[in-house]
Amino acid sequence: MVVSVRLLGVGQGGVRAVRRDAGQIRLTDRDLWALRWIGEQYAVRMDQLAQLLGSQPGGRTSVEGTLSERRTRRIVQRWTHARLVETRKILYAEPGWVWLSRAGLRAVGLQVKYLVPRPMWLSHVLWCGEVRRRLEAEGGSFEWRSERLLYAFGSAFNPHHLPDAELVVDDTTVAIEVELTPKHLKRLIDIVAWHTHDYQQTRYYVAPAAERGVHRAIEKLTPEQQQRIQVIPLERA
């Protein structure tokens, strides 16, 4: 499927004959899927986007599963010209970031508040997206409800604490938490206990700095509660 989106301000005031689709960008299924993905996850880093785009049909890649930096930038330029995304290099030592503009959110049907990523969010946004991307790369059928969607529309479970995402596999809803830095132990104990009450299963994806604290919190639960929580170490992106 190909969808045309008119470029804002393009082709206005001209006097010569032009094609009917002049001033439009033709969006592919991959474009629409990727834009929706970015919107649901708040934002995506450029190197992560190359892997995301490379996982979908749409051309050969020099490195399996990853588009080249050049091809990724060309795609982002097309989206930028259509006013669907905004880009910025936020942190000096890292690649740039891409997020949906207000027009981009409307184009993919996301009725959420427009946000510009803040530097203190970026590690968490990156790793939440990375968990989702890797699960999708493994294949299988599941539904991913991102933190952005949960905050905008709530959860059917009305949990005590909204997780970073909900993963629905078959008839089971799994709370997903991504922990990168240590939390206060009492707060962490409350959250893991709430999750065992509200969800059938919980997965904690943890960086080395947070792993000890998560395990200490889980140790405070009953054996039955502990069986419903899985801790998965995060590898480097």
C-alpha atoms as a PDB file:
ATOM      1  CA  MET A   1       0.000   0.000   0.000  1.00  0.00           C
ATOM      2  CA  VAL A   2       1.219   3.518  -0.801  1.00  0.00           C
ATOM      3  CA  VAL A   3      -0.229   6.611   0.882  1.00  0.00           C
ATOM      4  CA  SER A   4       0.359  10.185  -0.304  1.00  0.00           C
ATOM      5  CA  VAL A   5       0.901  12.972   2.226  1.00  0.00           C
ATOM      6  CA  ARG A   6       0.932  16.560   0.963  1.00  0.00           C
ATOM      7  CA  LEU A   7       4.011  18.571   1.843  1.00  0.00           C
ATOM      8  CA  LEU A   8       2.956  21.687   3.735  1.00  0.00           C
ATOM      9  CA  GLY A   9       3.631  24.860   1.773  1.00  0.00           C
ATOM     10  CA  VAL A  10       4.938  23.047  -1.330  1.00  0.00           C
ATOM     11  CA  GLY A  11       3.686  23.930  -4.808  1.00  0.00           C
ATOM     12  CA  GLN A  12       1.756  27.019  -3.732  1.00  0.00           C
ATOM     13  CA  GLY A  13       1.804  30.127  -5.898  1.00  0.00           C
ATOM     14  CA  GLY A  14       3.365  28.402  -8.925  1.00  0.00           C
ATOM     15  CA  VAL A  15       2.250  29.274 -12.472  1.00  0.00           C
ATOM     16  CA  ARG A  16       3.483  26.351 -14.541  1.00  0.00           C
ATOM     17  CA  ALA A  17       1.634  23.094 -14.958  1.00  0.00           C
ATOM     18  CA  VAL A  18       2.550  20.411 -12.442  1.00  0.00           C
ATOM     19  CA  ARG A  19       1.621  16.781 -11.872  1.00  0.00           C
ATOM     20  CA  ARG A  20      -1.393  16.094  -9.657  1.00  0.00           C
ATOM     21  CA  ASP A  21       0.830  14.442  -7.040  1.00  0.00           C
ATOM     22  CA  ALA A  22       3.542  17.117  -7.092  1.00  0.00           C
ATOM     23  CA  GLY A  23       4.485  18.294  -3.604  1.00  0.00           C
ATOM     24  CA  GLN A  24       3.534  14.991  -2.053  1.00  0.00           C
ATOM     25  CA  ILE A  25       5.523  12.258  -0.377  1.00  0.00           C
ATOM     26  CA  ARG A  26       4.464   8.708  -1.051  1.00  0.00           C
ATOM     27  CA  LEU A  27       4.496   6.726   2.182  1.00  0.00           C
ATOM     28  CA  THR A  28       4.956   2.981   2.074  1.00  0.00           C
ATOM     29  CA  ASP A  29       3.639   0.405   4.522  1.00  0.00           C
ATOM     30  CA  ARG A  30       7.098   0.389   6.102  1.00  0.00           C
ATOM     31  CA  ASP A  31       6.987   4.171   6.543  1.00  0.00           C
ATOM     32  CA  LEU A  32       3.608   4.040   8.253  1.00  0.00           C
ATOM     33  CA  TRP A  33       4.600   1.117  10.470  1.00  0.00           C
ATOM     34  CA  ALA A  34       7.858   2.788  11.534  1.00  0.00           C
ATOM     35  CA  LEU A  35       6.229   6.174  12.157  1.00  0.00           C
ATOM     36  CA  ARG A  36       3.561   4.584  14.328  1.00  0.00           C
ATOM     37  CA  TRP A  37       6.268   2.652  16.213  1.00  0.00           C
ATOM     38  CA  ILE A  38       8.247   5.828  16.851  1.00  0.00           C
ATOM     39  CA  GLY A  39       5.140   7.663  18.014  1.00  0.00           C
ATOM     40  CA  GLU A  40       4.210   4.932  20.459  1.00  0.00           C
ATOM     41  CA  GLN A  41       7.749   4.832  21.934  1.00  0.00           C
ATOM     42  CA  TYR A  42       8.100   8.644  22.183  1.00  0.00           C
ATOM     43  CA  ALA A  43      11.248   8.730  20.022  1.00  0.00           C
ATOM     44  CA  VAL A  44      13.968   6.613  18.434  1.00  0.00           C
ATOM     45  CA  ARG A  45      17.728   7.049  18.128  1.00  0.00           C
ATOM     46  CA  MET A  46      19.104   7.023  14.584  1.00  0.00           C
ATOM     47  CA  ASP A  47      21.169   3.839  14.948  1.00  0.00           C
ATOM     48  CA  GLN A  48      18.187   2.091  16.513  1.00  0.00           C
ATOM     49  CA  LEU A  49      15.998   3.312  13.651  1.00  0.00           C
ATOM     50  CA  ALA A  50      18.405   1.754  11.132  1.00  0.00           C
ATOM     51  CA  GLN A  51      17.852  -1.619  12.791  1.00  0.00           C
ATOM     52  CA  LEU A  52      14.111  -1.059  13.014  1.00  0.00           C
ATOM     53  CA  LEU A  53      13.791  -0.218   9.310  1.00  0.00           C
ATOM     54  CA  GLY A  54      16.152  -3.032   8.348  1.00  0.00           C
ATOM     55  CA  SER A  55      13.853  -5.574   9.991  1.00  0.00           C
ATOM     56  CA  GLN A  56      11.048  -4.806   7.534  1.00  0.00           C
ATOM     57  CA  PRO A  57      10.672  -5.527   3.808  1.00  0.00           C
ATOM     58  CA  GLY A  58      11.815  -2.664   1.638  1.00  0.00           C
ATOM     59  CA  GLY A  59      15.164  -3.347   0.073  1.00  0.00           C
ATOM     60  CA  ARG A  60      18.437  -5.160   0.550  1.00  0.00           C
ATOM     61  CA  THR A  61      20.794  -4.243   3.372  1.00  0.00           C
ATOM     62  CA  SER A  62      24.589  -4.426   3.401  1.00  0.00           C
ATOM     63  CA  VAL A  63      24.496  -5.626   7.018  1.00  0.00           C
ATOM     64  CA  GLU A  64      21.741  -8.146   7.633  1.00  0.00           C
ATOM     65  CA  GLY A  65      18.813  -6.563   9.461  1.00  0.00           C
ATOM     66  CA  THR A  66      20.258  -3.020   9.457  1.00  0.00           C
ATOM     67  CA  LEU A  67      19.958  -0.226   6.921  1.00  0.00           C
ATOM     68  CA  SER A  68      23.045   1.818   6.181  1.00  0.00           C
ATOM     69  CA  GLU A  69      23.379   5.217   7.835  1.00  0.00           C
ATOM     70  CA  ARG A  70      22.989   6.854   4.419  1.00  0.00           C
ATOM     71  CA  ARG A  71      19.736   5.074   3.570  1.00  0.00           C
ATOM     72  CA  THR A  72      18.342   5.701   7.033  1.00  0.00           C
ATOM     73  CA  ARG A  73      19.104   9.405   6.751  1.00  0.00           C
ATOM     74  CA  ARG A  74      17.425   9.580   3.336  1.00  0.00           C
ATOM     75  CA  ILE A  75      14.249   8.077   4.765  1.00  0.00           C
ATOM     76  CA  VAL A  76      14.291  10.487   7.704  1.00  0.00           C
ATOM     77  CA  GLN A  77      14.831  13.393   5.286  1.00  0.00           C
ATOM     78  CA  ARG A  78      11.704  12.348   3.369  1.00  0.00           C
ATOM     79  CA  TRP A  79       9.711  12.300   6.590  1.00  0.00           C
ATOM     80  CA  THR A  80      11.188  15.650   7.652  1.00  0.00           C
ATOM     81  CA  HIS A  81      10.273  17.277   4.339  1.00  0.00           C
ATOM     82  CA  ALA A  82       6.708  16.068   4.850  1.00  0.00           C
ATOM     83  CA  ARG A  83       6.723  17.664   8.325  1.00  0.00           C
ATOM     84  CA  LEU A  84       5.975  14.275   9.884  1.00  0.00           C
ATOM     85  CA  VAL A  85       9.025  14.102  12.152  1.00  0.00           C
ATOM     86  CA  GLU A  86      11.479  16.341  13.934  1.00  0.00           C
ATOM     87  CA  THR A  87      15.135  15.529  14.537  1.00  0.00           C
ATOM     88  CA  ARG A  88      17.878  16.744  16.798  1.00  0.00           C
ATOM     89  CA  LYS A  89      21.272  15.679  18.110  1.00  0.00           C
ATOM     90  CA  ILE A  90      20.527  15.987  21.814  1.00  0.00           C
ATOM     91  CA  LEU A  91      23.542  14.370  23.476  1.00  0.00           C
ATOM     92  CA  TYR A  92      27.004  15.232  22.151  1.00  0.00           C
ATOM     93  CA  ALA A  93      28.489  11.714  22.121  1.00  0.00           C
ATOM     94  CA  GLU A  94      25.410   9.902  20.747  1.00  0.00           C
ATOM     95  CA  PRO A  95      23.596   9.696  17.399  1.00  0.00           C
ATOM     96  CA  GLY A  96      20.662  12.015  16.790  1.00  0.00           C
ATOM     97  CA  TRP A  97      17.054  11.376  17.713  1.00  0.00           C
ATOM     98  CA  VAL A  98      13.805  11.303  15.714  1.00  0.00           C
ATOM     99  CA  TRP A  99      10.275  11.891  17.030  1.00  0.00           C
ATOM    100  CA  LEU A 100       6.871  12.594  15.496  1.00  0.00           C
ATOM    101  CA  SER A 101       5.626  16.124  14.957  1.00  0.00           C
ATOM    102  CA  ARG A 102       2.024  17.058  15.665  1.00  0.00           C
ATOM    103  CA  ALA A 103       1.241  16.394  12.002  1.00  0.00           C
ATOM    104  CA  GLY A 104       3.026  13.048  12.210  1.00  0.00           C
ATOM    105  CA  LEU A 105       0.980  11.992  15.228  1.00  0.00           C
ATOM    106  CA  ARG A 106      -2.205  12.861  13.352  1.00  0.00           C
ATOM    107  CA  ALA A 107      -1.033  11.055  10.223  1.00  0.00           C
ATOM    108  CA  VAL A 108      -0.703   7.721  12.071  1.00  0.00           C
ATOM    109  CA  GLY A 109      -3.783   8.219  14.215  1.00  0.00           C
ATOM    110  CA  LEU A 110      -2.061   8.694  17.577  1.00  0.00           C
ATOM    111  CA  GLN A 111      -4.158  10.937  19.805  1.00  0.00           C
ATOM    112  CA  VAL A 112      -1.450  11.642  22.352  1.00  0.00           C
ATOM    113  CA  LYS A 113       0.219  14.807  23.590  1.00  0.00           C
ATOM    114  CA  TYR A 114       3.064  16.109  21.435  1.00  0.00           C
ATOM    115  CA  LEU A 115       6.369  15.942  23.326  1.00  0.00           C
ATOM    116  CA  VAL A 116       9.959  16.898  22.609  1.00  0.00           C
ATOM    117  CA  PRO A 117      12.361  14.363  24.188  1.00  0.00           C
ATOM    118  CA  ARG A 118      14.292  15.614  27.200  1.00  0.00           C
ATOM    119  CA  PRO A 119      17.898  14.566  27.790  1.00  0.00           C
ATOM    120  CA  MET A 120      17.109  12.832  31.090  1.00  0.00           C
ATOM    121  CA  TRP A 121      14.529  10.590  29.355  1.00  0.00           C
ATOM    122  CA  LEU A 122      16.725   9.326  26.562  1.00  0.00           C
ATOM    123  CA  SER A 123      18.370   6.269  28.119  1.00  0.00           C
ATOM    124  CA  HIS A 124      15.027   4.968  29.322  1.00  0.00           C
ATOM    125  CA  VAL A 125      13.317   5.687  26.001  1.00  0.00           C
ATOM    126  CA  LEU A 126      16.153   3.939  24.150  1.00  0.00           C
ATOM    127  CA  TRP A 127      16.039   0.796  26.271  1.00  0.00           C
ATOM    128  CA  CYS A 128      12.257   0.498  26.357  1.00  0.00           C
ATOM    129  CA  GLY A 129      12.317   0.689  22.576  1.00  0.00           C
ATOM    130  CA  GLU A 130      15.189  -1.779  22.429  1.00  0.00           C
ATOM    131  CA  VAL A 131      13.303  -4.350  24.492  1.00  0.00           C
ATOM    132  CA  ARG A 132      10.357  -4.036  22.115  1.00  0.00           C
ATOM    133  CA  ARG A 133      12.532  -4.169  19.003  1.00  0.00           C
ATOM    134  CA  ARG A 134      14.351  -7.307  20.134  1.00  0.00           C
ATOM    135  CA  LEU A 135      11.113  -9.071  21.029  1.00  0.00           C
ATOM    136  CA  GLU A 136       9.741  -8.237  17.587  1.00  0.00           C
ATOM    137  CA  ALA A 137      12.951  -9.493  15.974  1.00  0.00           C
ATOM    138  CA  GLU A 138      12.473 -12.844  17.711  1.00  0.00           C
ATOM    139  CA  GLY A 139       9.121 -13.263  15.951  1.00  0.00           C
ATOM    140  CA  GLY A 140       5.924 -14.617  17.412  1.00  0.00           C
ATOM    141  CA  SER A 141       2.566 -12.986  17.891  1.00  0.00           C
ATOM    142  CA  PHE A 142       2.028 -10.450  20.657  1.00  0.00           C
ATOM    143  CA  GLU A 143       0.616  -7.011  21.354  1.00  0.00           C
ATOM    144  CA  TRP A 144       2.803  -4.267  22.829  1.00  0.00           C
ATOM    145  CA  ARG A 145       1.141  -1.446  24.759  1.00  0.00           C
ATOM    146  CA  SER A 146       3.763   1.222  25.296  1.00  0.00           C
ATOM    147  CA  GLU A 147       4.116   3.499  28.310  1.00  0.00           C
ATOM    148  CA  ARG A 148       2.965   6.439  26.188  1.00  0.00           C
ATOM    149  CA  LEU A 149      -0.277   4.679  25.282  1.00  0.00           C
ATOM    150  CA  LEU A 150      -0.824   3.494  28.862  1.00  0.00           C
ATOM    151  CA  TYR A 151      -0.425   7.019  30.205  1.00  0.00           C
ATOM    152  CA  ALA A 152      -2.695   8.444  27.521  1.00  0.00           C
ATOM    153  CA  PHE A 153      -5.474   5.867  27.635  1.00  0.00           C
ATOM    154  CA  GLY A 154      -4.942   3.860  30.817  1.00  0.00           C
ATOM    155  CA  SER A 155      -4.758   0.125  31.322  1.00  0.00           C
ATOM    156  CA  ALA A 156      -7.612  -2.364  31.418  1.00  0.00           C
ATOM    157  CA  PHE A 157      -6.087  -3.645  34.672  1.00  0.00           C
ATOM    158  CA  ASN A 158      -6.133  -0.262  36.434  1.00  0.00           C
ATOM    159  CA  PRO A 159      -2.849  -1.173  38.156  1.00  0.00           C
ATOM    160  CA  HIS A 160      -1.489   0.471  41.287  1.00  0.00           C
ATOM    161  CA  HIS A 161       1.593   1.445  39.231  1.00  0.00           C
ATOM    162  CA  LEU A 162       1.678   1.755  35.446  1.00  0.00           C
ATOM    163  CA  PRO A 163       4.554  -0.316  34.040  1.00  0.00           C
ATOM    164  CA  ASP A 164       6.855   0.739  31.218  1.00  0.00           C
ATOM    165  CA  ALA A 165       4.771  -1.406  28.861  1.00  0.00           C
ATOM    166  CA  GLU A 166       2.267  -4.233  28.737  1.00  0.00           C
ATOM    167  CA  LEU A 167       3.020  -7.299  26.640  1.00  0.00           C
ATOM    168  CA  VAL A 168       0.006  -9.410  25.686  1.00  0.00           C
ATOM    169  CA  VAL A 169       0.828 -12.963  24.606  1.00  0.00           C
ATOM    170  CA  ASP A 170      -2.155 -15.226  23.930  1.00  0.00           C
ATOM    171  CA  ASP A 171      -4.398 -14.539  26.934  1.00  0.00           C
ATOM    172  CA  THR A 172      -1.632 -13.438  29.293  1.00  0.00           C
ATOM    173  CA  THR A 173      -0.748  -9.805  30.002  1.00  0.00           C
ATOM    174  CA  VAL A 174       2.817  -9.275  31.191  1.00  0.00           C
ATOM    175  CA  ALA A 175       3.978  -6.098  32.925  1.00  0.00           C
ATOM    176  CA  ILE A 176       7.267  -4.895  31.448  1.00  0.00           C
ATOM    177  CA  GLU A 177       9.675  -2.836  33.534  1.00  0.00           C
ATOM    178  CA  VAL A 178      13.030  -1.475  32.370  1.00  0.00           C
ATOM    179  CA  GLU A 179      15.326  -0.593  35.274  1.00  0.00           C
ATOM    180  CA  LEU A 180      18.576   1.211  34.496  1.00  0.00           C
ATOM    181  CA  THR A 181      19.491   2.824  37.813  1.00  0.00           C
ATOM    182  CA  PRO A 182      18.930   1.898  41.465  1.00  0.00           C
ATOM    183  CA  LYS A 183      15.581   2.790  43.050  1.00  0.00           C
ATOM    184  CA  HIS A 184      14.880   3.282  46.741  1.00  0.00           C
ATOM    185  CA  LEU A 185      14.355  -0.252  48.074  1.00  0.00           C
ATOM    186  CA  LYS A 186      11.015   0.446  49.796  1.00  0.00           C
ATOM    187  CA  ARG A 187       9.610   1.960  46.598  1.00  0.00           C
ATOM    188  CA  LEU A 188      10.864  -0.993  44.556  1.00  0.00           C
ATOM    189  CA  ILE A 189       9.338  -3.520  46.982  1.00  0.00           C
ATOM    190  CA  ASP A 190       5.971  -1.763  46.690  1.00  0.00           C
ATOM    191  CA  ILE A 191       6.091  -1.815  42.880  1.00  0.00           C
ATOM    192  CA  VAL A 192       7.026  -5.486  42.501  1.00  0.00           C
ATOM    193  CA  ALA A 193       4.368  -6.455  45.051  1.00  0.00           C
ATOM    194  CA  TRP A 194       1.724  -4.383  43.240  1.00  0.00           C
ATOM    195  CA  HIS A 195       2.630  -6.005  39.934  1.00  0.00           C
ATOM    196  CA  THR A 196       2.151  -9.503  41.338  1.00  0.00           C
ATOM    197  CA  HIS A 197      -1.297  -8.409  42.471  1.00  0.00           C
ATOM    198  CA  ASP A 198      -2.291  -6.665  39.233  1.00  0.00           C
ATOM    199  CA  TYR A 199      -0.637  -8.824  36.543  1.00  0.00           C
ATOM    200  CA  GLN A 200      -0.283 -12.511  35.802  1.00  0.00           C
ATOM    201  CA  GLN A 201       3.421 -12.077  35.073  1.00  0.00           C
ATOM    202  CA  THR A 202       6.096  -9.369  35.291  1.00  0.00           C
ATOM    203  CA  ARG A 203       9.390  -9.102  33.429  1.00  0.00           C
ATOM    204  CA  TYR A 204      12.142  -6.870  34.753  1.00  0.00           C
ATOM    205  CA  TYR A 205      14.789  -5.956  32.170  1.00  0.00           C
ATOM    206  CA  VAL A 206      17.668  -4.674  34.285  1.00  0.00           C
ATOM    207  CA  ALA A 207      20.989  -2.945  33.748  1.00  0.00           C
ATOM    208  CA  PRO A 208      23.898  -4.036  36.005  1.00  0.00           C
ATOM    209  CA  ALA A 209      23.495  -0.972  38.243  1.00  0.00           C
ATOM    210  CA  ALA A 210      19.877  -1.877  39.037  1.00  0.00           C
ATOM    211  CA  GLU A 211      20.032  -5.672  39.158  1.00  0.00           C
ATOM    212  CA  ARG A 212      20.976  -6.104  42.827  1.00  0.00           C
ATOM    213  CA  GLY A 213      18.181  -3.814  44.014  1.00  0.00           C
ATOM    214  CA  VAL A 214      15.545  -5.613  41.948  1.00  0.00           C
ATOM    215  CA  HIS A 215      16.617  -8.990  43.303  1.00  0.00           C
ATOM    216  CA  ARG A 216      16.572  -7.658  46.881  1.00  0.00           C
ATOM    217  CA  ALA A 217      13.022  -6.375  46.388  1.00  0.00           C
ATOM    218  CA  ILE A 218      11.844  -9.693  44.950  1.00  0.00           C
ATOM    219  CA  GLU A 219      13.350 -11.549  47.920  1.00  0.00           C
ATOM    220  CA  LYS A 220      10.883  -9.700  50.163  1.00  0.00           C
ATOM    221  CA  LEU A 221       7.897 -11.319  48.375  1.00  0.00           C
ATOM    222  CA  THR A 222       6.268 -14.650  49.087  1.00  0.00           C
ATOM    223  CA  PRO A 223       7.508 -17.671  47.094  1.00  0.00           C
ATOM    224  CA  GLU A 224       4.267 -17.626  45.095  1.00  0.00           C
ATOM    225  CA  GLN A 225       4.764 -13.964  44.184  1.00  0.00           C
ATOM    226  CA  GLN A 226       8.408 -14.543  43.278  1.00  0.00           C
ATOM    227  CA  GLN A 227       7.425 -17.180  40.729  1.00  0.00           C
ATOM    228  CA  ARG A 228       5.476 -14.550  38.782  1.00  0.00           C
ATOM    229  CA  ILE A 229       8.484 -12.272  38.234  1.00  0.00           C
ATOM    230  CA  GLN A 230      11.292 -12.823  35.740  1.00  0.00           C
ATOM    231  CA  VAL A 231      14.537 -10.813  35.783  1.00  0.00           C
ATOM    232  CA  ILE A 232      16.367 -10.441  32.469  1.00  0.00           C
ATOM    233  CA  PRO A 233      19.789  -8.701  32.258  1.00  0.00           C
ATOM    234  CA  LEU A 234      20.069  -5.996  29.609  1.00  0.00           C
ATOM    235  CA  GLU A 235      22.906  -6.303  27.143  1.00  0.00           C
ATOM    236  CA  ARG A 236      24.531  -3.244  25.648  1.00  0.00           C
ATOM    237  CA  ALA A 237      22.662  -1.671  22.732  1.00  0.00           C
END
